[in-house]
Amino acid sequence: MTTIANNLQQVNDRISQACQAAGRARETVSLLAVSKTFGAAAVAEAAAAGQRAFGENYIQEGVDKILALREMVPYALQWHCIGPIQSNKTRLVAEHFDWVHTVDRLKIAQRLSDQRPAHLPPLNVCIQVNVDGGDNKAGVPPEEALELALAVAKLPRLQLRGVMSIPEPYPEFAAQKVVHEAAHALFERIRVALAAHADAHSAPWDTLSMGMTADLDAAIQAGSTMVRVGTGVFGARTYPAA
């Protein structure tokens, strides 16, 4: 078994154990393998081990991998944009990705909808919420999330699926769980509001994207449906010198 395949097995075992501890079925939590800074060969290795959903933070790097992997593997892969999106990159995202987790402005959502090619299915999106007010975190403030969600739900080439959060790192499980529970509570409040506006929202509201290598256990305990794991799958990253 290759290192990546072994890592994937260990991460999936950890997710299963966290689901069991939370009294949840394993199939209620999916794994998004975060492949930023790792090459197409590493993604192909993970795909050969059964992983199909991959997250990319850097848009051009992600597009390059998406195109390369179409030639390298016989599997249909699902690509998630989980990094910040500048206005001049929305077309690349709209044309190549299946999901976007980082919608925090209506302007970006509008551009994604306008630029989504007609031959592709609607782009699945999540509202990114700065749930704990971290100074260095992107995302809409919690008190503005519902208004943004209602506006995004009306855009014709998008499917609003849920909420994404990246809270500040907390070392203790209890503190991790508290902040994740706040995101889950917001997720539920938006669910209720969207149900009252069913004419504007027909997509399933089913995705709470939260939890990474360090805190996925607490995130699953708090209700996460998708955990984003990079280091746990691919190993430690090395970044080029500035």
C-alpha atoms as a PDB file:
ATOM      1  CA  MET A   1       0.000   0.000   0.000  1.00  0.00           C
ATOM      2  CA  THR A   2       1.376   3.410  -0.938  1.00  0.00           C
ATOM      3  CA  THR A   3       1.869   6.154   1.622  1.00  0.00           C
ATOM      4  CA  ILE A   4      -1.066   8.200   0.326  1.00  0.00           C
ATOM      5  CA  ALA A   5      -3.320   5.147   0.241  1.00  0.00           C
ATOM      6  CA  ASN A   6      -2.308   4.317   3.815  1.00  0.00           C
ATOM      7  CA  ASN A   7      -2.918   7.905   4.902  1.00  0.00           C
ATOM      8  CA  LEU A   8      -6.351   7.853   3.289  1.00  0.00           C
ATOM      9  CA  GLN A   9      -7.239   4.687   5.131  1.00  0.00           C
ATOM     10  CA  GLN A  10      -6.131   6.206   8.428  1.00  0.00           C
ATOM     11  CA  VAL A  11      -8.099   9.424   7.817  1.00  0.00           C
ATOM     12  CA  ASN A  12     -11.221   7.481   6.851  1.00  0.00           C
ATOM     13  CA  ASP A  13     -10.821   5.310   9.953  1.00  0.00           C
ATOM     14  CA  ARG A  14     -10.563   8.471  12.052  1.00  0.00           C
ATOM     15  CA  ILE A  15     -13.726   9.868  10.442  1.00  0.00           C
ATOM     16  CA  SER A  16     -15.523   6.592  11.138  1.00  0.00           C
ATOM     17  CA  GLN A  17     -14.458   6.679  14.779  1.00  0.00           C
ATOM     18  CA  ALA A  18     -15.546  10.310  15.127  1.00  0.00           C
ATOM     19  CA  CYS A  19     -18.928   9.486  13.599  1.00  0.00           C
ATOM     20  CA  GLN A  20     -19.347   6.569  15.983  1.00  0.00           C
ATOM     21  CA  ALA A  21     -18.487   8.799  18.953  1.00  0.00           C
ATOM     22  CA  ALA A  22     -21.036  11.370  17.762  1.00  0.00           C
ATOM     23  CA  GLY A  23     -23.735   8.751  17.174  1.00  0.00           C
ATOM     24  CA  ARG A  24     -23.784   9.483  13.456  1.00  0.00           C
ATOM     25  CA  ALA A  25     -23.763   7.234  10.413  1.00  0.00           C
ATOM     26  CA  ARG A  26     -20.428   7.199   8.575  1.00  0.00           C
ATOM     27  CA  GLU A  27     -22.070   8.107   5.263  1.00  0.00           C
ATOM     28  CA  THR A  28     -23.194  11.466   6.667  1.00  0.00           C
ATOM     29  CA  VAL A  29     -19.623  12.818   6.491  1.00  0.00           C
ATOM     30  CA  SER A  30     -17.584  13.037   3.292  1.00  0.00           C
ATOM     31  CA  LEU A  31     -13.852  13.557   2.911  1.00  0.00           C
ATOM     32  CA  LEU A  32     -12.461  16.350   0.757  1.00  0.00           C
ATOM     33  CA  ALA A  33      -8.758  15.727   0.110  1.00  0.00           C
ATOM     34  CA  VAL A  34      -6.981  19.086  -0.052  1.00  0.00           C
ATOM     35  CA  SER A  35      -4.327  18.761  -2.736  1.00  0.00           C
ATOM     36  CA  LYS A  36      -2.917  22.298  -2.873  1.00  0.00           C
ATOM     37  CA  THR A  37       0.847  22.392  -3.565  1.00  0.00           C
ATOM     38  CA  PHE A  38       0.868  18.680  -4.426  1.00  0.00           C
ATOM     39  CA  GLY A  39       1.224  17.670  -8.055  1.00  0.00           C
ATOM     40  CA  ALA A  40      -1.121  15.797 -10.331  1.00  0.00           C
ATOM     41  CA  ALA A  41       0.735  12.542  -9.666  1.00  0.00           C
ATOM     42  CA  ALA A  42      -0.141  12.708  -5.963  1.00  0.00           C
ATOM     43  CA  VAL A  43      -3.792  13.317  -6.822  1.00  0.00           C
ATOM     44  CA  ALA A  44      -3.724  10.381  -9.236  1.00  0.00           C
ATOM     45  CA  GLU A  45      -2.307   8.219  -6.453  1.00  0.00           C
ATOM     46  CA  ALA A  46      -5.115   9.250  -4.121  1.00  0.00           C
ATOM     47  CA  ALA A  47      -7.671   8.631  -6.869  1.00  0.00           C
ATOM     48  CA  ALA A  48      -6.265   5.142  -7.426  1.00  0.00           C
ATOM     49  CA  ALA A  49      -6.852   4.513  -3.708  1.00  0.00           C
ATOM     50  CA  GLY A  50     -10.508   5.460  -4.071  1.00  0.00           C
ATOM     51  CA  GLN A  51     -10.608   9.199  -3.287  1.00  0.00           C
ATOM     52  CA  ARG A  52     -12.702  11.187  -5.749  1.00  0.00           C
ATOM     53  CA  ALA A  53     -13.222  14.691  -4.267  1.00  0.00           C
ATOM     54  CA  PHE A  54     -10.308  17.137  -4.159  1.00  0.00           C
ATOM     55  CA  GLY A  55      -9.983  20.692  -2.861  1.00  0.00           C
ATOM     56  CA  GLU A  56      -7.729  23.372  -4.320  1.00  0.00           C
ATOM     57  CA  ASN A  57      -6.899  26.743  -2.735  1.00  0.00           C
ATOM     58  CA  TYR A  58      -4.982  28.274  -5.631  1.00  0.00           C
ATOM     59  CA  ILE A  59      -7.139  28.639  -8.701  1.00  0.00           C
ATOM     60  CA  GLN A  60      -4.606  28.485 -11.517  1.00  0.00           C
ATOM     61  CA  GLU A  61      -2.777  25.597  -9.862  1.00  0.00           C
ATOM     62  CA  GLY A  62      -6.104  23.830  -9.491  1.00  0.00           C
ATOM     63  CA  VAL A  63      -7.097  24.349 -13.117  1.00  0.00           C
ATOM     64  CA  ASP A  64      -3.725  23.020 -14.295  1.00  0.00           C
ATOM     65  CA  LYS A  65      -4.294  19.863 -12.232  1.00  0.00           C
ATOM     66  CA  ILE A  66      -7.876  19.459 -13.379  1.00  0.00           C
ATOM     67  CA  LEU A  67      -6.766  19.497 -17.007  1.00  0.00           C
ATOM     68  CA  ALA A  68      -3.818  17.191 -16.374  1.00  0.00           C
ATOM     69  CA  LEU A  69      -5.863  14.650 -14.429  1.00  0.00           C
ATOM     70  CA  ARG A  70      -8.397  14.332 -17.248  1.00  0.00           C
ATOM     71  CA  GLU A  71      -5.607  12.714 -19.234  1.00  0.00           C
ATOM     72  CA  MET A  72      -4.018  10.795 -16.360  1.00  0.00           C
ATOM     73  CA  VAL A  73      -6.872   8.924 -14.669  1.00  0.00           C
ATOM     74  CA  PRO A  74      -9.949   7.049 -15.887  1.00  0.00           C
ATOM     75  CA  TYR A  75     -12.028   8.270 -12.926  1.00  0.00           C
ATOM     76  CA  ALA A  76     -14.483  11.146 -12.811  1.00  0.00           C
ATOM     77  CA  LEU A  77     -13.067  13.460 -10.149  1.00  0.00           C
ATOM     78  CA  GLN A  78     -14.920  16.204  -8.299  1.00  0.00           C
ATOM     79  CA  TRP A  79     -13.111  19.511  -7.841  1.00  0.00           C
ATOM     80  CA  HIS A  80     -13.789  22.002  -5.063  1.00  0.00           C
ATOM     81  CA  CYS A  81     -12.433  25.553  -4.962  1.00  0.00           C
ATOM     82  CA  ILE A  82     -11.717  26.273  -1.298  1.00  0.00           C
ATOM     83  CA  GLY A  83      -9.528  29.366  -1.607  1.00  0.00           C
ATOM     84  CA  PRO A  84     -10.257  33.079  -1.980  1.00  0.00           C
ATOM     85  CA  ILE A  85     -11.585  34.191  -5.355  1.00  0.00           C
ATOM     86  CA  GLN A  86     -10.620  37.482  -6.986  1.00  0.00           C
ATOM     87  CA  SER A  87     -12.962  38.953  -9.569  1.00  0.00           C
ATOM     88  CA  ASN A  88     -10.473  38.274 -12.368  1.00  0.00           C
ATOM     89  CA  LYS A  89     -10.460  34.537 -11.535  1.00  0.00           C
ATOM     90  CA  THR A  90     -14.189  33.862 -11.433  1.00  0.00           C
ATOM     91  CA  ARG A  91     -14.329  32.670 -15.049  1.00  0.00           C
ATOM     92  CA  LEU A  92     -11.663  30.032 -14.444  1.00  0.00           C
ATOM     93  CA  VAL A  93     -13.574  28.791 -11.408  1.00  0.00           C
ATOM     94  CA  ALA A  94     -16.920  28.813 -13.197  1.00  0.00           C
ATOM     95  CA  GLU A  95     -15.546  26.911 -16.164  1.00  0.00           C
ATOM     96  CA  HIS A  96     -13.531  24.223 -14.373  1.00  0.00           C
ATOM     97  CA  PHE A  97     -14.688  23.538 -10.826  1.00  0.00           C
ATOM     98  CA  ASP A  98     -17.709  21.585  -9.564  1.00  0.00           C
ATOM     99  CA  TRP A  99     -17.956  23.277  -6.171  1.00  0.00           C
ATOM    100  CA  VAL A 100     -16.999  26.593  -4.583  1.00  0.00           C
ATOM    101  CA  HIS A 101     -16.831  26.849  -0.776  1.00  0.00           C
ATOM    102  CA  THR A 102     -15.714  30.461  -0.499  1.00  0.00           C
ATOM    103  CA  VAL A 103     -18.559  32.691  -1.640  1.00  0.00           C
ATOM    104  CA  ASP A 104     -18.605  35.655   0.738  1.00  0.00           C
ATOM    105  CA  ARG A 105     -19.710  38.473  -1.582  1.00  0.00           C
ATOM    106  CA  LEU A 106     -22.716  38.738  -3.864  1.00  0.00           C
ATOM    107  CA  LYS A 107     -20.527  40.260  -6.590  1.00  0.00           C
ATOM    108  CA  ILE A 108     -18.433  37.090  -6.776  1.00  0.00           C
ATOM    109  CA  ALA A 109     -21.519  34.876  -6.746  1.00  0.00           C
ATOM    110  CA  GLN A 110     -23.101  36.889  -9.543  1.00  0.00           C
ATOM    111  CA  ARG A 111     -19.994  36.585 -11.698  1.00  0.00           C
ATOM    112  CA  LEU A 112     -19.795  32.832 -11.085  1.00  0.00           C
ATOM    113  CA  SER A 113     -23.417  32.446 -12.128  1.00  0.00           C
ATOM    114  CA  ASP A 114     -23.019  34.628 -15.221  1.00  0.00           C
ATOM    115  CA  GLN A 115     -19.839  32.817 -16.309  1.00  0.00           C
ATOM    116  CA  ARG A 116     -20.921  29.219 -15.647  1.00  0.00           C
ATOM    117  CA  PRO A 117     -21.033  27.526 -19.085  1.00  0.00           C
ATOM    118  CA  ALA A 118     -24.485  26.449 -20.230  1.00  0.00           C
ATOM    119  CA  HIS A 119     -23.330  22.892 -21.004  1.00  0.00           C
ATOM    120  CA  LEU A 120     -22.247  22.302 -17.393  1.00  0.00           C
ATOM    121  CA  PRO A 121     -24.590  21.673 -14.462  1.00  0.00           C
ATOM    122  CA  PRO A 122     -25.089  24.555 -12.041  1.00  0.00           C
ATOM    123  CA  LEU A 123     -22.090  25.262  -9.836  1.00  0.00           C
ATOM    124  CA  ASN A 124     -22.492  24.031  -6.253  1.00  0.00           C
ATOM    125  CA  VAL A 125     -21.604  26.764  -3.768  1.00  0.00           C
ATOM    126  CA  CYS A 126     -21.285  27.319  -0.033  1.00  0.00           C
ATOM    127  CA  ILE A 127     -21.356  30.608   1.832  1.00  0.00           C
ATOM    128  CA  GLN A 128     -18.086  31.124   3.696  1.00  0.00           C
ATOM    129  CA  VAL A 129     -18.765  32.507   7.176  1.00  0.00           C
ATOM    130  CA  ASN A 130     -16.185  34.031   9.510  1.00  0.00           C
ATOM    131  CA  VAL A 131     -17.913  32.346  12.392  1.00  0.00           C
ATOM    132  CA  ASP A 132     -15.596  33.471  15.199  1.00  0.00           C
ATOM    133  CA  GLY A 133     -14.571  36.867  13.856  1.00  0.00           C
ATOM    134  CA  GLY A 134     -10.928  35.987  13.244  1.00  0.00           C
ATOM    135  CA  ASP A 135      -9.023  39.016  11.971  1.00  0.00           C
ATOM    136  CA  ASN A 136      -7.181  37.113   9.257  1.00  0.00           C
ATOM    137  CA  LYS A 137     -10.061  34.966   8.066  1.00  0.00           C
ATOM    138  CA  ALA A 138     -12.163  35.547   4.978  1.00  0.00           C
ATOM    139  CA  GLY A 139     -15.903  35.067   5.111  1.00  0.00           C
ATOM    140  CA  VAL A 140     -19.060  37.017   5.650  1.00  0.00           C
ATOM    141  CA  PRO A 141     -19.887  37.972   9.277  1.00  0.00           C
ATOM    142  CA  PRO A 142     -22.511  35.614  10.756  1.00  0.00           C
ATOM    143  CA  GLU A 143     -25.087  38.390  11.042  1.00  0.00           C
ATOM    144  CA  GLU A 144     -24.859  39.001   7.271  1.00  0.00           C
ATOM    145  CA  ALA A 145     -24.831  35.372   6.160  1.00  0.00           C
ATOM    146  CA  LEU A 146     -28.591  34.920   5.818  1.00  0.00           C
ATOM    147  CA  GLU A 147     -29.015  37.977   3.599  1.00  0.00           C
ATOM    148  CA  LEU A 148     -26.210  36.781   1.345  1.00  0.00           C
ATOM    149  CA  ALA A 149     -27.600  33.236   1.233  1.00  0.00           C
ATOM    150  CA  LEU A 150     -31.045  34.449   0.174  1.00  0.00           C
ATOM    151  CA  ALA A 151     -29.502  36.522  -2.620  1.00  0.00           C
ATOM    152  CA  VAL A 152     -27.204  33.732  -3.845  1.00  0.00           C
ATOM    153  CA  ALA A 153     -30.091  31.236  -3.824  1.00  0.00           C
ATOM    154  CA  LYS A 154     -31.797  33.247  -6.573  1.00  0.00           C
ATOM    155  CA  LEU A 155     -28.894  33.088  -9.031  1.00  0.00           C
ATOM    156  CA  PRO A 156     -29.769  30.788 -11.933  1.00  0.00           C
ATOM    157  CA  ARG A 157     -26.466  28.991 -12.579  1.00  0.00           C
ATOM    158  CA  LEU A 158     -25.613  28.296  -8.944  1.00  0.00           C
ATOM    159  CA  GLN A 159     -26.876  25.711  -6.473  1.00  0.00           C
ATOM    160  CA  LEU A 160     -26.559  26.966  -2.912  1.00  0.00           C
ATOM    161  CA  ARG A 161     -25.703  23.911  -0.823  1.00  0.00           C
ATOM    162  CA  GLY A 162     -24.553  25.129   2.582  1.00  0.00           C
ATOM    163  CA  VAL A 163     -21.987  26.872   4.763  1.00  0.00           C
ATOM    164  CA  MET A 164     -18.209  26.679   5.038  1.00  0.00           C
ATOM    165  CA  SER A 165     -16.105  27.891   7.959  1.00  0.00           C
ATOM    166  CA  ILE A 166     -12.417  28.055   8.881  1.00  0.00           C
ATOM    167  CA  PRO A 167     -12.271  29.150  12.523  1.00  0.00           C
ATOM    168  CA  GLU A 168      -9.146  30.166  14.353  1.00  0.00           C
ATOM    169  CA  PRO A 169      -7.151  27.121  15.498  1.00  0.00           C
ATOM    170  CA  TYR A 170      -7.924  26.049  19.047  1.00  0.00           C
ATOM    171  CA  PRO A 171      -5.809  23.307  20.638  1.00  0.00           C
ATOM    172  CA  GLU A 172      -8.489  21.971  22.972  1.00  0.00           C
ATOM    173  CA  PHE A 173     -11.325  19.749  21.741  1.00  0.00           C
ATOM    174  CA  ALA A 174     -13.928  21.605  23.826  1.00  0.00           C
ATOM    175  CA  ALA A 175     -13.033  24.995  22.332  1.00  0.00           C
ATOM    176  CA  GLN A 176     -12.999  23.534  18.828  1.00  0.00           C
ATOM    177  CA  LYS A 177     -16.433  22.071  19.363  1.00  0.00           C
ATOM    178  CA  VAL A 178     -17.928  25.335  20.638  1.00  0.00           C
ATOM    179  CA  VAL A 179     -16.952  27.309  17.551  1.00  0.00           C
ATOM    180  CA  HIS A 180     -18.062  24.511  15.224  1.00  0.00           C
ATOM    181  CA  GLU A 181     -21.394  24.352  17.028  1.00  0.00           C
ATOM    182  CA  ALA A 182     -21.851  28.067  16.323  1.00  0.00           C
ATOM    183  CA  ALA A 183     -21.404  27.367  12.601  1.00  0.00           C
ATOM    184  CA  HIS A 184     -23.880  24.504  12.799  1.00  0.00           C
ATOM    185  CA  ALA A 185     -26.454  26.714  14.528  1.00  0.00           C
ATOM    186  CA  LEU A 186     -26.080  29.293  11.755  1.00  0.00           C
ATOM    187  CA  PHE A 187     -26.414  26.544   9.151  1.00  0.00           C
ATOM    188  CA  GLU A 188     -29.718  25.503  10.723  1.00  0.00           C
ATOM    189  CA  ARG A 189     -31.030  29.079  10.926  1.00  0.00           C
ATOM    190  CA  ILE A 190     -30.364  29.569   7.232  1.00  0.00           C
ATOM    191  CA  ARG A 191     -32.025  26.223   6.470  1.00  0.00           C
ATOM    192  CA  VAL A 192     -35.239  27.410   8.123  1.00  0.00           C
ATOM    193  CA  ALA A 193     -35.159  30.731   6.285  1.00  0.00           C
ATOM    194  CA  LEU A 194     -34.545  29.107   2.902  1.00  0.00           C
ATOM    195  CA  ALA A 195     -37.429  26.713   3.483  1.00  0.00           C
ATOM    196  CA  ALA A 196     -39.660  29.754   3.844  1.00  0.00           C
ATOM    197  CA  HIS A 197     -38.370  30.998   0.473  1.00  0.00           C
ATOM    198  CA  ALA A 198     -38.658  27.715  -1.404  1.00  0.00           C
ATOM    199  CA  ASP A 199     -39.445  29.587  -4.619  1.00  0.00           C
ATOM    200  CA  ALA A 200     -35.895  30.990  -4.547  1.00  0.00           C
ATOM    201  CA  HIS A 201     -34.081  27.839  -3.457  1.00  0.00           C
ATOM    202  CA  SER A 202     -34.603  24.380  -4.912  1.00  0.00           C
ATOM    203  CA  ALA A 203     -31.158  22.873  -4.279  1.00  0.00           C
ATOM    204  CA  PRO A 204     -30.621  20.600  -1.274  1.00  0.00           C
ATOM    205  CA  TRP A 205     -29.305  22.488   1.752  1.00  0.00           C
ATOM    206  CA  ASP A 206     -27.084  19.663   2.912  1.00  0.00           C
ATOM    207  CA  THR A 207     -23.448  20.734   3.247  1.00  0.00           C
ATOM    208  CA  LEU A 208     -21.643  22.017   6.325  1.00  0.00           C
ATOM    209  CA  SER A 209     -17.995  22.191   5.270  1.00  0.00           C
ATOM    210  CA  MET A 210     -15.886  22.449   8.418  1.00  0.00           C
ATOM    211  CA  GLY A 211     -13.095  20.598  10.103  1.00  0.00           C
ATOM    212  CA  MET A 212      -9.536  19.933   8.976  1.00  0.00           C
ATOM    213  CA  THR A 213      -6.737  17.570   9.997  1.00  0.00           C
ATOM    214  CA  ALA A 214      -6.350  19.100  13.468  1.00  0.00           C
ATOM    215  CA  ASP A 215     -10.009  19.481  14.427  1.00  0.00           C
ATOM    216  CA  LEU A 216     -12.122  17.126  12.328  1.00  0.00           C
ATOM    217  CA  ASP A 217     -13.213  15.098  15.371  1.00  0.00           C
ATOM    218  CA  ALA A 218     -14.769  18.156  17.034  1.00  0.00           C
ATOM    219  CA  ALA A 219     -16.263  19.283  13.712  1.00  0.00           C
ATOM    220  CA  ILE A 220     -17.991  15.937  13.213  1.00  0.00           C
ATOM    221  CA  GLN A 221     -19.244  16.029  16.801  1.00  0.00           C
ATOM    222  CA  ALA A 222     -20.749  19.453  16.010  1.00  0.00           C
ATOM    223  CA  GLY A 223     -22.446  18.366  12.784  1.00  0.00           C
ATOM    224  CA  SER A 224     -19.984  18.750   9.910  1.00  0.00           C
ATOM    225  CA  THR A 225     -20.956  16.914   6.729  1.00  0.00           C
ATOM    226  CA  MET A 226     -17.652  17.485   4.887  1.00  0.00           C
ATOM    227  CA  VAL A 227     -14.162  17.617   6.362  1.00  0.00           C
ATOM    228  CA  ARG A 228     -11.252  19.102   4.419  1.00  0.00           C
ATOM    229  CA  VAL A 229      -8.022  17.183   5.025  1.00  0.00           C
ATOM    230  CA  GLY A 230      -4.724  17.923   3.317  1.00  0.00           C
ATOM    231  CA  THR A 231      -1.769  17.131   5.556  1.00  0.00           C
ATOM    232  CA  GLY A 232      -3.403  13.976   6.874  1.00  0.00           C
ATOM    233  CA  VAL A 233      -3.726  12.638   3.322  1.00  0.00           C
ATOM    234  CA  PHE A 234      -0.748  13.979   1.394  1.00  0.00           C
ATOM    235  CA  GLY A 235       1.756  14.724   4.175  1.00  0.00           C
ATOM    236  CA  ALA A 236       3.501  17.925   5.202  1.00  0.00           C
ATOM    237  CA  ARG A 237       3.593  20.696   2.610  1.00  0.00           C
ATOM    238  CA  THR A 238       6.691  22.512   1.450  1.00  0.00           C
ATOM    239  CA  TYR A 239       6.232  26.011   0.085  1.00  0.00           C
ATOM    240  CA  PRO A 240       8.666  27.751  -2.258  1.00  0.00           C
ATOM    241  CA  ALA A 241      10.739  30.503  -0.667  1.00  0.00           C
ATOM    242  CA  ALA A 242       9.270  33.954  -1.071  1.00  0.00           C
END
